[in-house]
Amino acid sequence: MQPKSHKQDHNLIHSQFERRGWSTSIFLRGIMVGAVVGLPMGNVIGAHFGWRESLWATTALATLAAGISLATIPAVTKEAATGLRGEVSSFSNGQLWQAFRIQSDDSQAP
């Protein structure tokens, strides 16, 4: 039987990974939908109305998306915000450098 604190830690970590995976999937879905729907739609608008109208339609959709994002994404609390010192201190993490090394080794493979 696991101690209660271990179960709580596991539940907390599991929920964080679940949210991270969900948000990543939403982000990647947007990229895929944008490529599949946006490119042909921009081409049709450009062919029928001209390239300027295609850019204005893109601007309108981007403004709408920015407004929805501002309305629905919660603000970052001051405790969660990291300053420059916190960002630079992350370079002292050995696991980060190992991940960089592994990635660079993979990219140099023939």
PDB file of N, CA and C in Angstrom:
ATOM      1  N   MET A   1       0.839  -1.178   0.000  1.00  0.00           N
ATOM      2  CA  MET A   1       0.000   0.000   0.000  1.00  0.00           C
ATOM      3  C   MET A   1       0.886   1.245   0.000  1.00  0.00           C
ATOM      4  N   GLN A   2       0.566   2.203  -0.838  1.00  0.00           N
ATOM      5  CA  GLN A   2       1.359   3.421  -0.953  1.00  0.00           C
ATOM      6  C   GLN A   2       0.922   4.437   0.087  1.00  0.00           C
ATOM      7  N   PRO A   3       1.865   5.243   0.577  1.00  0.00           N
ATOM      8  CA  PRO A   3       1.474   6.303   1.503  1.00  0.00           C
ATOM      9  C   PRO A   3       0.539   7.294   0.812  1.00  0.00           C
ATOM     10  N   LYS A   4      -0.281   7.948   1.622  1.00  0.00           N
ATOM     11  CA  LYS A   4      -1.267   8.872   1.078  1.00  0.00           C
ATOM     12  C   LYS A   4      -0.613  10.021   0.314  1.00  0.00           C
ATOM     13  N   SER A   5       0.506  10.532   0.835  1.00  0.00           N
ATOM     14  CA  SER A   5       1.165  11.651   0.155  1.00  0.00           C
ATOM     15  C   SER A   5       1.669  11.240  -1.222  1.00  0.00           C
ATOM     16  N   HIS A   6       2.125   9.991  -1.362  1.00  0.00           N
ATOM     17  CA  HIS A   6       2.595   9.523  -2.661  1.00  0.00           C
ATOM     18  C   HIS A   6       1.446   9.495  -3.657  1.00  0.00           C
ATOM     19  N   LYS A   7       0.274   9.055  -3.219  1.00  0.00           N
ATOM     20  CA  LYS A   7      -0.879   9.024  -4.107  1.00  0.00           C
ATOM     21  C   LYS A   7      -1.280  10.437  -4.522  1.00  0.00           C
ATOM     22  N   GLN A   8      -1.228  11.368  -3.577  1.00  0.00           N
ATOM     23  CA  GLN A   8      -1.570  12.747  -3.904  1.00  0.00           C
ATOM     24  C   GLN A   8      -0.578  13.316  -4.908  1.00  0.00           C
ATOM     25  N   ASP A   9       0.717  13.044  -4.706  1.00  0.00           N
ATOM     26  CA  ASP A   9       1.729  13.513  -5.657  1.00  0.00           C
ATOM     27  C   ASP A   9       1.488  12.920  -7.031  1.00  0.00           C
ATOM     28  N   HIS A  10       1.183  11.623  -7.062  1.00  0.00           N
ATOM     29  CA  HIS A  10       0.942  10.969  -8.347  1.00  0.00           C
ATOM     30  C   HIS A  10      -0.262  11.597  -9.051  1.00  0.00           C
ATOM     31  N   ASN A  11      -1.338  11.848  -8.301  1.00  0.00           N
ATOM     32  CA  ASN A  11      -2.531  12.461  -8.901  1.00  0.00           C
ATOM     33  C   ASN A  11      -2.226  13.861  -9.418  1.00  0.00           C
ATOM     34  N   LEU A  12      -1.442  14.633  -8.660  1.00  0.00           N
ATOM     35  CA  LEU A  12      -1.088  15.979  -9.085  1.00  0.00           C
ATOM     36  C   LEU A  12      -0.253  15.951 -10.355  1.00  0.00           C
ATOM     37  N   ILE A  13       0.749  15.100 -10.379  1.00  0.00           N
ATOM     38  CA  ILE A  13       1.618  15.007 -11.559  1.00  0.00           C
ATOM     39  C   ILE A  13       0.832  14.495 -12.756  1.00  0.00           C
ATOM     40  N   HIS A  14       0.001  13.497 -12.527  1.00  0.00           N
ATOM     41  CA  HIS A  14      -0.795  12.945 -13.623  1.00  0.00           C
ATOM     42  C   HIS A  14      -1.712  14.008 -14.219  1.00  0.00           C
ATOM     43  N   SER A  15      -2.351  14.810 -13.360  1.00  0.00           N
ATOM     44  CA  SER A  15      -3.252  15.832 -13.886  1.00  0.00           C
ATOM     45  C   SER A  15      -2.489  16.910 -14.643  1.00  0.00           C
ATOM     46  N   GLN A  16      -1.258  17.233 -14.192  1.00  0.00           N
ATOM     47  CA  GLN A  16      -0.463  18.227 -14.910  1.00  0.00           C
ATOM     48  C   GLN A  16      -0.077  17.716 -16.293  1.00  0.00           C
ATOM     49  N   PHE A  17       0.328  16.459 -16.403  1.00  0.00           N
ATOM     50  CA  PHE A  17       0.685  15.909 -17.701  1.00  0.00           C
ATOM     51  C   PHE A  17      -0.547  15.792 -18.592  1.00  0.00           C
ATOM     52  N   GLU A  18      -1.684  15.470 -17.991  1.00  0.00           N
ATOM     53  CA  GLU A  18      -2.908  15.370 -18.763  1.00  0.00           C
ATOM     54  C   GLU A  18      -3.280  16.723 -19.368  1.00  0.00           C
ATOM     55  N   ARG A  19      -3.184  17.798 -18.566  1.00  0.00           N
ATOM     56  CA  ARG A  19      -3.483  19.129 -19.073  1.00  0.00           C
ATOM     57  C   ARG A  19      -2.470  19.557 -20.114  1.00  0.00           C
ATOM     58  N   ARG A  20      -1.209  19.231 -19.901  1.00  0.00           N
ATOM     59  CA  ARG A  20      -0.183  19.615 -20.857  1.00  0.00           C
ATOM     60  C   ARG A  20      -0.407  18.904 -22.189  1.00  0.00           C
ATOM     61  N   GLY A  21      -0.748  17.622 -22.127  1.00  0.00           N
ATOM     62  CA  GLY A  21      -1.014  16.876 -23.349  1.00  0.00           C
ATOM     63  C   GLY A  21      -2.236  17.394 -24.077  1.00  0.00           C
ATOM     64  N   TRP A  22      -3.270  17.737 -23.305  1.00  0.00           N
ATOM     65  CA  TRP A  22      -4.490  18.262 -23.907  1.00  0.00           C
ATOM     66  C   TRP A  22      -4.221  19.601 -24.586  1.00  0.00           C
ATOM     67  N   SER A  23      -3.515  20.486 -23.910  1.00  0.00           N
ATOM     68  CA  SER A  23      -3.254  21.800 -24.500  1.00  0.00           C
ATOM     69  C   SER A  23      -2.337  21.688 -25.712  1.00  0.00           C
ATOM     70  N   THR A  24      -1.385  20.768 -25.677  1.00  0.00           N
ATOM     71  CA  THR A  24      -0.518  20.564 -26.835  1.00  0.00           C
ATOM     72  C   THR A  24      -1.326  20.032 -28.016  1.00  0.00           C
ATOM     73  N   SER A  25      -2.251  19.133 -27.742  1.00  0.00           N
ATOM     74  CA  SER A  25      -3.060  18.593 -28.839  1.00  0.00           C
ATOM     75  C   SER A  25      -3.951  19.666 -29.454  1.00  0.00           C
ATOM     76  N   ILE A  26      -4.480  20.577 -28.635  1.00  0.00           N
ATOM     77  CA  ILE A  26      -5.295  21.675 -29.163  1.00  0.00           C
ATOM     78  C   ILE A  26      -4.436  22.584 -30.046  1.00  0.00           C
ATOM     79  N   PHE A  27      -3.217  22.897 -29.584  1.00  0.00           N
ATOM     80  CA  PHE A  27      -2.318  23.748 -30.351  1.00  0.00           C
ATOM     81  C   PHE A  27      -1.981  23.113 -31.697  1.00  0.00           C
ATOM     82  N   LEU A  28      -1.608  21.833 -31.680  1.00  0.00           N
ATOM     83  CA  LEU A  28      -1.241  21.164 -32.924  1.00  0.00           C
ATOM     84  C   LEU A  28      -2.447  20.985 -33.843  1.00  0.00           C
ATOM     85  N   ARG A  29      -3.626  20.800 -33.261  1.00  0.00           N
ATOM     86  CA  ARG A  29      -4.839  20.706 -34.069  1.00  0.00           C
ATOM     87  C   ARG A  29      -5.077  22.011 -34.817  1.00  0.00           C
ATOM     88  N   GLY A  30      -4.811  23.134 -34.162  1.00  0.00           N
ATOM     89  CA  GLY A  30      -4.979  24.424 -34.819  1.00  0.00           C
ATOM     90  C   GLY A  30      -4.048  24.592 -36.003  1.00  0.00           C
ATOM     91  N   ILE A  31      -2.826  24.121 -35.853  1.00  0.00           N
ATOM     92  CA  ILE A  31      -1.880  24.203 -36.974  1.00  0.00           C
ATOM     93  C   ILE A  31      -2.362  23.348 -38.143  1.00  0.00           C
ATOM     94  N   MET A  32      -2.831  22.134 -37.831  1.00  0.00           N
ATOM     95  CA  MET A  32      -3.286  21.252 -38.909  1.00  0.00           C
ATOM     96  C   MET A  32      -4.538  21.792 -39.591  1.00  0.00           C
ATOM     97  N   VAL A  33      -5.492  22.280 -38.811  1.00  0.00           N
ATOM     98  CA  VAL A  33      -6.718  22.831 -39.397  1.00  0.00           C
ATOM     99  C   VAL A  33      -6.391  24.076 -40.215  1.00  0.00           C
ATOM    100  N   GLY A  34      -5.471  24.890 -39.717  1.00  0.00           N
ATOM    101  CA  GLY A  34      -5.072  26.086 -40.454  1.00  0.00           C
ATOM    102  C   GLY A  34      -4.474  25.742 -41.811  1.00  0.00           C
ATOM    103  N   ALA A  35      -3.671  24.690 -41.841  1.00  0.00           N
ATOM    104  CA  ALA A  35      -3.053  24.301 -43.114  1.00  0.00           C
ATOM    105  C   ALA A  35      -4.073  23.675 -44.067  1.00  0.00           C
ATOM    106  N   VAL A  36      -4.955  22.849 -43.532  1.00  0.00           N
ATOM    107  CA  VAL A  36      -5.903  22.129 -44.385  1.00  0.00           C
ATOM    108  C   VAL A  36      -7.029  23.040 -44.867  1.00  0.00           C
ATOM    109  N   VAL A  37      -7.504  23.933 -44.019  1.00  0.00           N
ATOM    110  CA  VAL A  37      -8.633  24.793 -44.366  1.00  0.00           C
ATOM    111  C   VAL A  37      -8.163  26.174 -44.827  1.00  0.00           C
ATOM    112  N   GLY A  38      -7.166  26.726 -44.136  1.00  0.00           N
ATOM    113  CA  GLY A  38      -6.757  28.100 -44.386  1.00  0.00           C
ATOM    114  C   GLY A  38      -6.123  28.331 -45.743  1.00  0.00           C
ATOM    115  N   LEU A  39      -5.248  27.446 -46.161  1.00  0.00           N
ATOM    116  CA  LEU A  39      -4.589  27.642 -47.451  1.00  0.00           C
ATOM    117  C   LEU A  39      -5.567  27.604 -48.624  1.00  0.00           C
ATOM    118  N   PRO A  40      -6.431  26.593 -48.711  1.00  0.00           N
ATOM    119  CA  PRO A  40      -7.400  26.618 -49.825  1.00  0.00           C
ATOM    120  C   PRO A  40      -8.368  27.804 -49.739  1.00  0.00           C
ATOM    121  N   MET A  41      -8.793  28.157 -48.500  1.00  0.00           N
ATOM    122  CA  MET A  41      -9.711  29.286 -48.358  1.00  0.00           C
ATOM    123  C   MET A  41      -9.036  30.589 -48.792  1.00  0.00           C
ATOM    124  N   GLY A  42      -7.789  30.787 -48.413  1.00  0.00           N
ATOM    125  CA  GLY A  42      -7.062  31.969 -48.851  1.00  0.00           C
ATOM    126  C   GLY A  42      -6.869  31.999 -50.350  1.00  0.00           C
ATOM    127  N   ASN A  43      -6.653  30.842 -50.937  1.00  0.00           N
ATOM    128  CA  ASN A  43      -6.496  30.751 -52.387  1.00  0.00           C
ATOM    129  C   ASN A  43      -7.787  31.111 -53.105  1.00  0.00           C
ATOM    130  N   VAL A  44      -8.923  30.626 -52.594  1.00  0.00           N
ATOM    131  CA  VAL A  44     -10.214  30.927 -53.213  1.00  0.00           C
ATOM    132  C   VAL A  44     -10.522  32.420 -53.087  1.00  0.00           C
ATOM    133  N   ILE A  45     -10.316  32.972 -51.890  1.00  0.00           N
ATOM    134  CA  ILE A  45     -10.575  34.408 -51.703  1.00  0.00           C
ATOM    135  C   ILE A  45      -9.662  35.231 -52.600  1.00  0.00           C
ATOM    136  N   GLY A  46      -8.400  34.846 -52.684  1.00  0.00           N
ATOM    137  CA  GLY A  46      -7.459  35.561 -53.535  1.00  0.00           C
ATOM    138  C   GLY A  46      -7.803  35.470 -55.006  1.00  0.00           C
ATOM    139  N   ALA A  47      -8.269  34.318 -55.443  1.00  0.00           N
ATOM    140  CA  ALA A  47      -8.615  34.144 -56.851  1.00  0.00           C
ATOM    141  C   ALA A  47      -9.872  34.930 -57.235  1.00  0.00           C
ATOM    142  N   HIS A  48     -10.840  35.011 -56.329  1.00  0.00           N
ATOM    143  CA  HIS A  48     -12.105  35.675 -56.648  1.00  0.00           C
ATOM    144  C   HIS A  48     -12.110  37.169 -56.334  1.00  0.00           C
ATOM    145  N   PHE A  49     -11.410  37.566 -55.280  1.00  0.00           N
ATOM    146  CA  PHE A  49     -11.499  38.952 -54.829  1.00  0.00           C
ATOM    147  C   PHE A  49     -10.173  39.695 -54.849  1.00  0.00           C
ATOM    148  N   GLY A  50      -9.067  38.991 -54.982  1.00  0.00           N
ATOM    149  CA  GLY A  50      -7.755  39.627 -55.011  1.00  0.00           C
ATOM    150  C   GLY A  50      -6.953  39.332 -53.745  1.00  0.00           C
ATOM    151  N   TRP A  51      -5.646  39.564 -53.868  1.00  0.00           N
ATOM    152  CA  TRP A  51      -4.754  39.209 -52.765  1.00  0.00           C
ATOM    153  C   TRP A  51      -4.941  40.111 -51.556  1.00  0.00           C
ATOM    154  N   ARG A  52      -5.344  41.357 -51.758  1.00  0.00           N
ATOM    155  CA  ARG A  52      -5.540  42.262 -50.615  1.00  0.00           C
ATOM    156  C   ARG A  52      -6.696  41.785 -49.725  1.00  0.00           C
ATOM    157  N   GLU A  53      -7.788  41.358 -50.347  1.00  0.00           N
ATOM    158  CA  GLU A  53      -8.928  40.871 -49.585  1.00  0.00           C
ATOM    159  C   GLU A  53      -8.582  39.582 -48.848  1.00  0.00           C
ATOM    160  N   SER A  54      -7.726  38.777 -49.454  1.00  0.00           N
ATOM    161  CA  SER A  54      -7.280  37.562 -48.783  1.00  0.00           C
ATOM    162  C   SER A  54      -6.506  37.910 -47.509  1.00  0.00           C
ATOM    163  N   LEU A  55      -5.654  38.916 -47.586  1.00  0.00           N
ATOM    164  CA  LEU A  55      -4.903  39.350 -46.409  1.00  0.00           C
ATOM    165  C   LEU A  55      -5.826  40.000 -45.376  1.00  0.00           C
ATOM    166  N   TRP A  56      -6.837  40.760 -45.819  1.00  0.00           N
ATOM    167  CA  TRP A  56      -7.781  41.348 -44.872  1.00  0.00           C
ATOM    168  C   TRP A  56      -8.602  40.273 -44.162  1.00  0.00           C
ATOM    169  N   ALA A  57      -8.975  39.230 -44.877  1.00  0.00           N
ATOM    170  CA  ALA A  57      -9.700  38.122 -44.245  1.00  0.00           C
ATOM    171  C   ALA A  57      -8.816  37.432 -43.209  1.00  0.00           C
ATOM    172  N   THR A  58      -7.539  37.262 -43.534  1.00  0.00           N
ATOM    173  CA  THR A  58      -6.598  36.675 -42.579  1.00  0.00           C
ATOM    174  C   THR A  58      -6.447  37.561 -41.356  1.00  0.00           C
ATOM    175  N   THR A  59      -6.389  38.875 -41.577  1.00  0.00           N
ATOM    176  CA  THR A  59      -6.284  39.819 -40.464  1.00  0.00           C
ATOM    177  C   THR A  59      -7.518  39.753 -39.579  1.00  0.00           C
ATOM    178  N   ALA A  60      -8.690  39.668 -40.174  1.00  0.00           N
ATOM    179  CA  ALA A  60      -9.935  39.593 -39.403  1.00  0.00           C
ATOM    180  C   ALA A  60      -9.986  38.325 -38.563  1.00  0.00           C
ATOM    181  N   LEU A  61      -9.609  37.193 -39.156  1.00  0.00           N
ATOM    182  CA  LEU A  61      -9.619  35.938 -38.413  1.00  0.00           C
ATOM    183  C   LEU A  61      -8.575  35.943 -37.296  1.00  0.00           C
ATOM    184  N   ALA A  62      -7.407  36.521 -37.559  1.00  0.00           N
ATOM    185  CA  ALA A  62      -6.370  36.592 -36.524  1.00  0.00           C
ATOM    186  C   ALA A  62      -6.804  37.493 -35.373  1.00  0.00           C
ATOM    187  N   THR A  63      -7.488  38.598 -35.690  1.00  0.00           N
ATOM    188  CA  THR A  63      -7.998  39.494 -34.648  1.00  0.00           C
ATOM    189  C   THR A  63      -9.070  38.796 -33.819  1.00  0.00           C
ATOM    190  N   LEU A  64      -9.950  38.059 -34.473  1.00  0.00           N
ATOM    191  CA  LEU A  64     -10.970  37.292 -33.766  1.00  0.00           C
ATOM    192  C   LEU A  64     -10.332  36.245 -32.847  1.00  0.00           C
ATOM    193  N   ALA A  65      -9.335  35.529 -33.358  1.00  0.00           N
ATOM    194  CA  ALA A  65      -8.657  34.515 -32.552  1.00  0.00           C
ATOM    195  C   ALA A  65      -7.934  35.144 -31.362  1.00  0.00           C
ATOM    196  N   ALA A  66      -7.322  36.307 -31.571  1.00  0.00           N
ATOM    197  CA  ALA A  66      -6.642  36.993 -30.471  1.00  0.00           C
ATOM    198  C   ALA A  66      -7.646  37.433 -29.408  1.00  0.00           C
ATOM    199  N   GLY A  67      -8.795  37.932 -29.808  1.00  0.00           N
ATOM    200  CA  GLY A  67      -9.824  38.330 -28.855  1.00  0.00           C
ATOM    201  C   GLY A  67     -10.349  37.155 -28.050  1.00  0.00           C
ATOM    202  N   ILE A  68     -10.594  36.041 -28.727  1.00  0.00           N
ATOM    203  CA  ILE A  68     -11.050  34.839 -28.021  1.00  0.00           C
ATOM    204  C   ILE A  68      -9.979  34.357 -27.053  1.00  0.00           C
ATOM    205  N   SER A  69      -8.724  34.387 -27.472  1.00  0.00           N
ATOM    206  CA  SER A  69      -7.630  33.960 -26.592  1.00  0.00           C
ATOM    207  C   SER A  69      -7.532  34.851 -25.369  1.00  0.00           C
ATOM    208  N   LEU A  70      -7.621  36.156 -25.564  1.00  0.00           N
ATOM    209  CA  LEU A  70      -7.547  37.077 -24.430  1.00  0.00           C
ATOM    210  C   LEU A  70      -8.713  36.881 -23.466  1.00  0.00           C
ATOM    211  N   ALA A  71      -9.863  36.521 -24.003  1.00  0.00           N
ATOM    212  CA  ALA A  71     -11.039  36.346 -23.151  1.00  0.00           C
ATOM    213  C   ALA A  71     -11.033  35.020 -22.398  1.00  0.00           C
ATOM    214  N   THR A  72     -10.400  34.002 -22.941  1.00  0.00           N
ATOM    215  CA  THR A  72     -10.508  32.672 -22.342  1.00  0.00           C
ATOM    216  C   THR A  72      -9.255  32.183 -21.631  1.00  0.00           C
ATOM    217  N   ILE A  73      -8.084  32.665 -21.992  1.00  0.00           N
ATOM    218  CA  ILE A  73      -6.852  32.193 -21.346  1.00  0.00           C
ATOM    219  C   ILE A  73      -6.662  32.957 -20.049  1.00  0.00           C
ATOM    220  N   PRO A  74      -6.487  32.249 -18.932  1.00  0.00           N
ATOM    221  CA  PRO A  74      -6.323  32.945 -17.656  1.00  0.00           C
ATOM    222  C   PRO A  74      -5.002  33.696 -17.595  1.00  0.00           C
ATOM    223  N   ALA A  75      -4.994  34.765 -16.821  1.00  0.00           N
ATOM    224  CA  ALA A  75      -3.787  35.572 -16.660  1.00  0.00           C
ATOM    225  C   ALA A  75      -2.752  34.796 -15.851  1.00  0.00           C
ATOM    226  N   VAL A  76      -1.488  35.051 -16.118  1.00  0.00           N
ATOM    227  CA  VAL A  76      -0.402  34.423 -15.380  1.00  0.00           C
ATOM    228  C   VAL A  76      -0.236  35.164 -14.062  1.00  0.00           C
ATOM    229  N   THR A  77      -0.248  34.409 -12.990  1.00  0.00           N
ATOM    230  CA  THR A  77      -0.074  35.048 -11.689  1.00  0.00           C
ATOM    231  C   THR A  77       1.385  35.444 -11.496  1.00  0.00           C
ATOM    232  N   LYS A  78       1.606  36.359 -10.598  1.00  0.00           N
ATOM    233  CA  LYS A  78       2.957  36.846 -10.371  1.00  0.00           C
ATOM    234  C   LYS A  78       3.884  35.732  -9.882  1.00  0.00           C
ATOM    235  N   GLU A  79       3.338  34.793  -9.095  1.00  0.00           N
ATOM    236  CA  GLU A  79       4.156  33.683  -8.612  1.00  0.00           C
ATOM    237  C   GLU A  79       4.576  32.769  -9.750  1.00  0.00           C
ATOM    238  N   ALA A  80       3.710  32.613 -10.757  1.00  0.00           N
ATOM    239  CA  ALA A  80       4.014  31.717 -11.872  1.00  0.00           C
ATOM    240  C   ALA A  80       4.935  32.369 -12.891  1.00  0.00           C
ATOM    241  N   ALA A  81       4.989  33.687 -12.919  1.00  0.00           N
ATOM    242  CA  ALA A  81       5.840  34.376 -13.881  1.00  0.00           C
ATOM    243  C   ALA A  81       7.303  34.208 -13.474  1.00  0.00           C
ATOM    244  N   THR A  82       8.156  34.013 -14.459  1.00  0.00           N
ATOM    245  CA  THR A  82       9.574  33.823 -14.215  1.00  0.00           C
ATOM    246  C   THR A  82      10.328  34.975 -14.845  1.00  0.00           C
ATOM    247  N   GLY A  83      11.223  35.554 -14.091  1.00  0.00           N
ATOM    248  CA  GLY A  83      12.032  36.643 -14.601  1.00  0.00           C
ATOM    249  C   GLY A  83      13.228  36.134 -15.377  1.00  0.00           C
ATOM    250  N   LEU A  84      14.058  37.058 -15.806  1.00  0.00           N
ATOM    251  CA  LEU A  84      15.242  36.707 -16.579  1.00  0.00           C
ATOM    252  C   LEU A  84      16.187  35.827 -15.767  1.00  0.00           C
ATOM    253  N   ARG A  85      16.327  36.134 -14.494  1.00  0.00           N
ATOM    254  CA  ARG A  85      17.214  35.335 -13.641  1.00  0.00           C
ATOM    255  C   ARG A  85      16.738  33.890 -13.557  1.00  0.00           C
ATOM    256  N   GLY A  86      15.430  33.681 -13.445  1.00  0.00           N
ATOM    257  CA  GLY A  86      14.886  32.332 -13.401  1.00  0.00           C
ATOM    258  C   GLY A  86      15.084  31.588 -14.708  1.00  0.00           C
ATOM    259  N   GLU A  87      14.944  32.301 -15.809  1.00  0.00           N
ATOM    260  CA  GLU A  87      15.148  31.672 -17.116  1.00  0.00           C
ATOM    261  C   GLU A  87      16.612  31.270 -17.309  1.00  0.00           C
ATOM    262  N   VAL A  88      17.526  32.156 -16.947  1.00  0.00           N
ATOM    263  CA  VAL A  88      18.949  31.861 -17.112  1.00  0.00           C
ATOM    264  C   VAL A  88      19.384  30.745 -16.169  1.00  0.00           C
ATOM    265  N   SER A  89      18.804  30.698 -14.974  1.00  0.00           N
ATOM    266  CA  SER A  89      19.192  29.657 -14.018  1.00  0.00           C
ATOM    267  C   SER A  89      18.798  28.266 -14.498  1.00  0.00           C
ATOM    268  N   SER A  90      17.849  28.166 -15.429  1.00  0.00           N
ATOM    269  CA  SER A  90      17.470  26.851 -15.938  1.00  0.00           C
ATOM    270  C   SER A  90      18.599  26.208 -16.736  1.00  0.00           C
ATOM    271  N   PHE A  91      19.564  27.001 -17.183  1.00  0.00           N
ATOM    272  CA  PHE A  91      20.696  26.428 -17.913  1.00  0.00           C
ATOM    273  C   PHE A  91      21.644  25.657 -17.012  1.00  0.00           C
ATOM    274  N   SER A  92      21.472  25.743 -15.709  1.00  0.00           N
ATOM    275  CA  SER A  92      22.305  24.951 -14.801  1.00  0.00           C
ATOM    276  C   SER A  92      21.740  23.546 -14.611  1.00  0.00           C
ATOM    277  N   ASN A  93      20.619  23.248 -15.247  1.00  0.00           N
ATOM    278  CA  ASN A  93      19.983  21.943 -15.152  1.00  0.00           C
ATOM    279  C   ASN A  93      20.706  20.963 -16.068  1.00  0.00           C
ATOM    280  N   GLY A  94      21.292  19.934 -15.485  1.00  0.00           N
ATOM    281  CA  GLY A  94      22.035  18.939 -16.258  1.00  0.00           C
ATOM    282  C   GLY A  94      21.163  18.157 -17.220  1.00  0.00           C
ATOM    283  N   GLN A  95      19.918  17.879 -16.829  1.00  0.00           N
ATOM    284  CA  GLN A  95      19.022  17.139 -17.710  1.00  0.00           C
ATOM    285  C   GLN A  95      18.696  17.939 -18.967  1.00  0.00           C
ATOM    286  N   LEU A  96      18.618  19.251 -18.841  1.00  0.00           N
ATOM    287  CA  LEU A  96      18.374  20.097 -20.004  1.00  0.00           C
ATOM    288  C   LEU A  96      19.521  19.977 -21.002  1.00  0.00           C
ATOM    289  N   TRP A  97      20.746  20.052 -20.513  1.00  0.00           N
ATOM    290  CA  TRP A  97      21.903  19.937 -21.399  1.00  0.00           C
ATOM    291  C   TRP A  97      21.993  18.551 -22.018  1.00  0.00           C
ATOM    292  N   GLN A  98      21.602  17.527 -21.258  1.00  0.00           N
ATOM    293  CA  GLN A  98      21.608  16.177 -21.818  1.00  0.00           C
ATOM    294  C   GLN A  98      20.583  16.070 -22.944  1.00  0.00           C
ATOM    295  N   ALA A  99      19.425  16.677 -22.771  1.00  0.00           N
ATOM    296  CA  ALA A  99      18.413  16.661 -23.829  1.00  0.00           C
ATOM    297  C   ALA A  99      18.917  17.402 -25.067  1.00  0.00           C
ATOM    298  N   PHE A 100      19.598  18.538 -24.869  1.00  0.00           N
ATOM    299  CA  PHE A 100      20.178  19.262 -26.001  1.00  0.00           C
ATOM    300  C   PHE A 100      21.211  18.400 -26.723  1.00  0.00           C
ATOM    301  N   ARG A 101      22.048  17.707 -25.953  1.00  0.00           N
ATOM    302  CA  ARG A 101      23.098  16.880 -26.542  1.00  0.00           C
ATOM    303  C   ARG A 101      22.493  15.730 -27.333  1.00  0.00           C
ATOM    304  N   ILE A 102      21.479  15.076 -26.766  1.00  0.00           N
ATOM    305  CA  ILE A 102      20.842  13.968 -27.450  1.00  0.00           C
ATOM    306  C   ILE A 102      20.190  14.458 -28.746  1.00  0.00           C
ATOM    307  N   GLN A 103      19.547  15.584 -28.679  1.00  0.00           N
ATOM    308  CA  GLN A 103      18.888  16.127 -29.877  1.00  0.00           C
ATOM    309  C   GLN A 103      19.920  16.481 -30.947  1.00  0.00           C
ATOM    310  N   SER A 104      21.047  17.076 -30.538  1.00  0.00           N
ATOM    311  CA  SER A 104      22.057  17.436 -31.535  1.00  0.00           C
ATOM    312  C   SER A 104      22.725  16.197 -32.093  1.00  0.00           C
ATOM    313  N   ASP A 105      22.877  15.136 -31.284  1.00  0.00           N
ATOM    314  CA  ASP A 105      23.452  13.902 -31.795  1.00  0.00           C
ATOM    315  C   ASP A 105      22.524  13.264 -32.817  1.00  0.00           C
ATOM    316  N   ASP A 106      21.222  13.322 -32.573  1.00  0.00           N
ATOM    317  CA  ASP A 106      20.250  12.742 -33.506  1.00  0.00           C
ATOM    318  C   ASP A 106      20.200  13.514 -34.812  1.00  0.00           C
ATOM    319  N   SER A 107      20.365  14.843 -34.749  1.00  0.00           N
ATOM    320  CA  SER A 107      20.270  15.634 -35.966  1.00  0.00           C
ATOM    321  C   SER A 107      21.501  15.497 -36.841  1.00  0.00           C
ATOM    322  N   GLN A 108      22.607  15.014 -36.284  1.00  0.00           N
ATOM    323  CA  GLN A 108      23.831  14.858 -37.061  1.00  0.00           C
ATOM    324  C   GLN A 108      23.979  13.454 -37.644  1.00  0.00           C
ATOM    325  N   ALA A 109      23.036  12.586 -37.323  1.00  0.00           N
ATOM    326  CA  ALA A 109      23.110  11.215 -37.846  1.00  0.00           C
ATOM    327  C   ALA A 109      22.871  11.237 -39.350  1.00  0.00           C
ATOM    328  N   PRO A 110      23.523  10.336 -40.084  1.00  0.00           N
ATOM    329  CA  PRO A 110      23.342  10.307 -41.548  1.00  0.00           C
ATOM    330  C   PRO A 110      21.987   9.822 -41.967  1.00  0.00           C
TER     331      PRO A 110
END
